[in-house]
Amino acid sequence: MFLKKAEIFVGVSPEFLDRIAGMAEEAQVPEGHVFFRAGEPAAFLYVLKEGQVALTTGGAVPITFPIGEAGAVFGWSALVEPRTYTATCETTMPSTTIRLDGAQLLQIFEESPRDGLLVLRRLARVMASRLKASYERFAR
């Protein structure tokens, strides 16, 4: 099962991962596909299976983060209040992704708090590393 390789799902119980896999929707998308735009309500978390996406923040000095590692997640805003996307996400080459409904994920986290907390801790690590990278890019 590919999801066990996803950066935020490493180490969760097999039962928990099975529940998530049961709601997963895999899709092949062309280059230039826009998953979401900054400011839109955040409904889905995505896992990159193969290919590459670019996250671009708005503002006076836009910052673009390429994501091309299998198992990387994007659209984390679907799990964090106020559940609004903070960047625009577009494929930069044909890609395969896994889409997960944020509201359903949060329900699963509540029903399995130990695994849910582990996922949210891993998600916080992802967010912190991207924030640090943005500081480093902005400082150049």
Protein backbone atom coordinates (compact mmCIF):
# COMPACT_ATOMS: atom_id res chain seq x y z
CA MET A 1 0.00 0.00 0.00
CA PHE A 2 1.52 3.29 -1.15
CA LEU A 3 0.05 5.45 1.64
CA LYS A 4 2.28 3.89 4.28
CA LYS A 5 5.19 5.63 2.50
CA ALA A 6 3.53 9.05 2.75
CA GLU A 7 5.52 11.38 4.98
CA ILE A 8 2.67 11.96 7.43
CA PHE A 9 1.44 8.35 7.67
CA VAL A 10 4.71 6.59 8.50
CA GLY A 11 4.33 4.59 11.72
CA VAL A 12 0.55 4.59 12.09
CA SER A 13 -1.31 1.37 12.81
CA PRO A 14 -2.31 -0.87 9.88
CA GLU A 15 -6.00 -0.56 10.84
CA PHE A 16 -5.81 3.22 10.78
CA LEU A 17 -4.07 3.20 7.42
CA ASP A 18 -6.65 0.78 6.01
CA ARG A 19 -9.43 3.22 6.93
CA ILE A 20 -7.62 6.03 5.16
CA ALA A 21 -6.88 3.87 2.13
CA GLY A 22 -10.58 3.07 1.90
CA MET A 23 -11.38 6.72 1.21
CA ALA A 24 -8.40 7.45 -1.05
CA GLU A 25 -9.02 8.52 -4.63
CA GLU A 26 -6.09 8.08 -7.01
CA ALA A 27 -5.94 10.26 -10.13
CA GLN A 28 -3.60 10.85 -13.02
CA VAL A 29 -3.51 14.53 -13.90
CA PRO A 30 -1.88 16.41 -16.79
CA GLU A 31 0.75 19.11 -16.57
CA GLY A 32 -0.85 22.44 -15.71
CA HIS A 33 -3.67 20.97 -13.63
CA VAL A 34 -4.62 23.33 -10.77
CA PHE A 35 -5.66 21.48 -7.62
CA PHE A 36 -6.57 24.58 -5.64
CA ARG A 37 -5.94 28.30 -5.41
CA ALA A 38 -4.89 30.38 -2.42
CA GLY A 39 -7.91 31.65 -0.51
CA GLU A 40 -10.28 28.85 -1.54
CA PRO A 41 -11.94 26.65 1.10
CA ALA A 42 -9.69 23.68 1.80
CA ALA A 43 -11.48 20.36 1.41
CA PHE A 44 -8.79 17.88 0.35
CA LEU A 45 -5.35 16.72 1.37
CA TYR A 46 -3.23 15.25 -1.44
CA VAL A 47 -0.36 12.77 -1.50
CA LEU A 48 1.99 12.84 -4.46
CA LYS A 49 2.53 9.38 -5.87
CA GLU A 50 4.63 10.41 -8.85
CA GLY A 51 5.33 13.55 -10.82
CA GLN A 52 5.75 17.09 -9.52
CA VAL A 53 3.62 19.96 -8.29
CA ALA A 54 4.45 23.56 -7.46
CA LEU A 55 2.98 25.44 -4.52
CA THR A 56 3.00 29.20 -5.00
CA THR A 57 2.21 31.64 -2.21
CA GLY A 58 0.62 35.00 -2.92
CA GLY A 59 1.72 38.35 -1.65
CA ALA A 60 4.15 41.02 -2.79
CA VAL A 61 6.93 38.48 -3.20
CA PRO A 62 5.45 35.13 -4.29
CA ILE A 63 7.41 32.05 -3.26
CA THR A 64 7.21 28.80 -5.21
CA PHE A 65 7.96 25.42 -3.65
CA PRO A 66 8.44 22.50 -6.01
CA ILE A 67 7.30 19.16 -4.57
CA GLY A 68 8.46 16.07 -6.42
CA GLU A 69 9.12 13.43 -3.81
CA ALA A 70 6.81 10.42 -3.77
CA GLY A 71 4.83 10.43 -0.54
CA ALA A 72 4.97 14.20 -0.05
CA VAL A 73 1.72 15.87 0.96
CA PHE A 74 0.13 19.11 -0.15
CA GLY A 75 -3.15 20.77 0.68
CA TRP A 76 -2.53 20.39 4.42
CA SER A 77 -4.91 23.31 5.00
CA ALA A 78 -7.74 20.77 4.75
CA LEU A 79 -6.71 19.60 8.24
CA VAL A 80 -6.00 22.95 9.90
CA GLU A 81 -8.40 25.74 10.82
CA PRO A 82 -9.58 27.92 9.19
CA ARG A 83 -9.42 25.26 6.44
CA THR A 84 -8.50 27.72 3.69
CA TYR A 85 -5.70 27.00 1.20
CA THR A 86 -2.70 29.28 1.71
CA ALA A 87 -1.09 28.67 -1.69
CA THR A 88 -1.98 27.76 -5.25
CA CYS A 89 -1.00 24.26 -6.36
CA GLU A 90 -0.40 23.21 -9.96
CA THR A 91 1.26 20.23 -11.62
CA THR A 92 4.49 20.96 -13.47
CA MET A 93 4.45 17.62 -15.27
CA PRO A 94 1.96 14.76 -15.64
CA SER A 95 1.46 13.40 -12.13
CA THR A 96 -0.34 10.77 -10.09
CA THR A 97 -1.91 11.87 -6.83
CA ILE A 98 -4.03 10.47 -4.04
CA ARG A 99 -6.85 12.70 -2.80
CA LEU A 100 -8.16 12.44 0.76
CA ASP A 101 -11.22 14.23 2.10
CA GLY A 102 -10.11 16.49 4.97
CA ALA A 103 -13.36 16.27 6.96
CA GLN A 104 -13.33 12.46 6.78
CA LEU A 105 -9.68 12.38 7.84
CA LEU A 106 -10.39 14.56 10.86
CA GLN A 107 -13.23 12.21 11.84
CA ILE A 108 -10.89 9.21 11.61
CA PHE A 109 -8.34 11.10 13.75
CA GLU A 110 -10.97 11.67 16.44
CA GLU A 111 -11.92 7.99 16.40
CA SER A 112 -8.26 6.90 16.59
CA PRO A 113 -6.63 9.67 18.64
CA ARG A 114 -3.22 8.01 19.08
CA ASP A 115 -2.69 7.63 15.33
CA GLY A 116 -4.40 10.93 14.59
CA LEU A 117 -2.04 12.76 16.93
CA LEU A 118 0.95 11.08 15.26
CA VAL A 119 -0.26 12.24 11.83
CA LEU A 120 -0.78 15.80 13.06
CA ARG A 121 2.69 15.85 14.63
CA ARG A 122 4.21 14.71 11.34
CA LEU A 123 2.13 17.32 9.51
CA ALA A 124 3.45 20.02 11.86
CA ARG A 125 6.99 18.91 10.97
CA VAL A 126 6.19 19.25 7.25
CA MET A 127 4.71 22.70 7.80
CA ALA A 128 7.71 23.81 9.87
CA SER A 129 10.19 22.64 7.24
CA ARG A 130 8.34 24.52 4.49
CA LEU A 131 8.14 27.64 6.63
CA LYS A 132 11.87 27.45 7.29
CA ALA A 133 12.52 27.01 3.56
CA SER A 134 10.40 30.07 2.81
CA TYR A 135 12.41 32.14 5.30
CA GLU A 136 15.62 30.99 3.67
CA ARG A 137 14.38 31.83 0.17
CA PHE A 138 13.06 35.22 1.24
CA ALA A 139 16.35 36.10 2.97
CA ARG A 140 18.36 35.66 -0.23
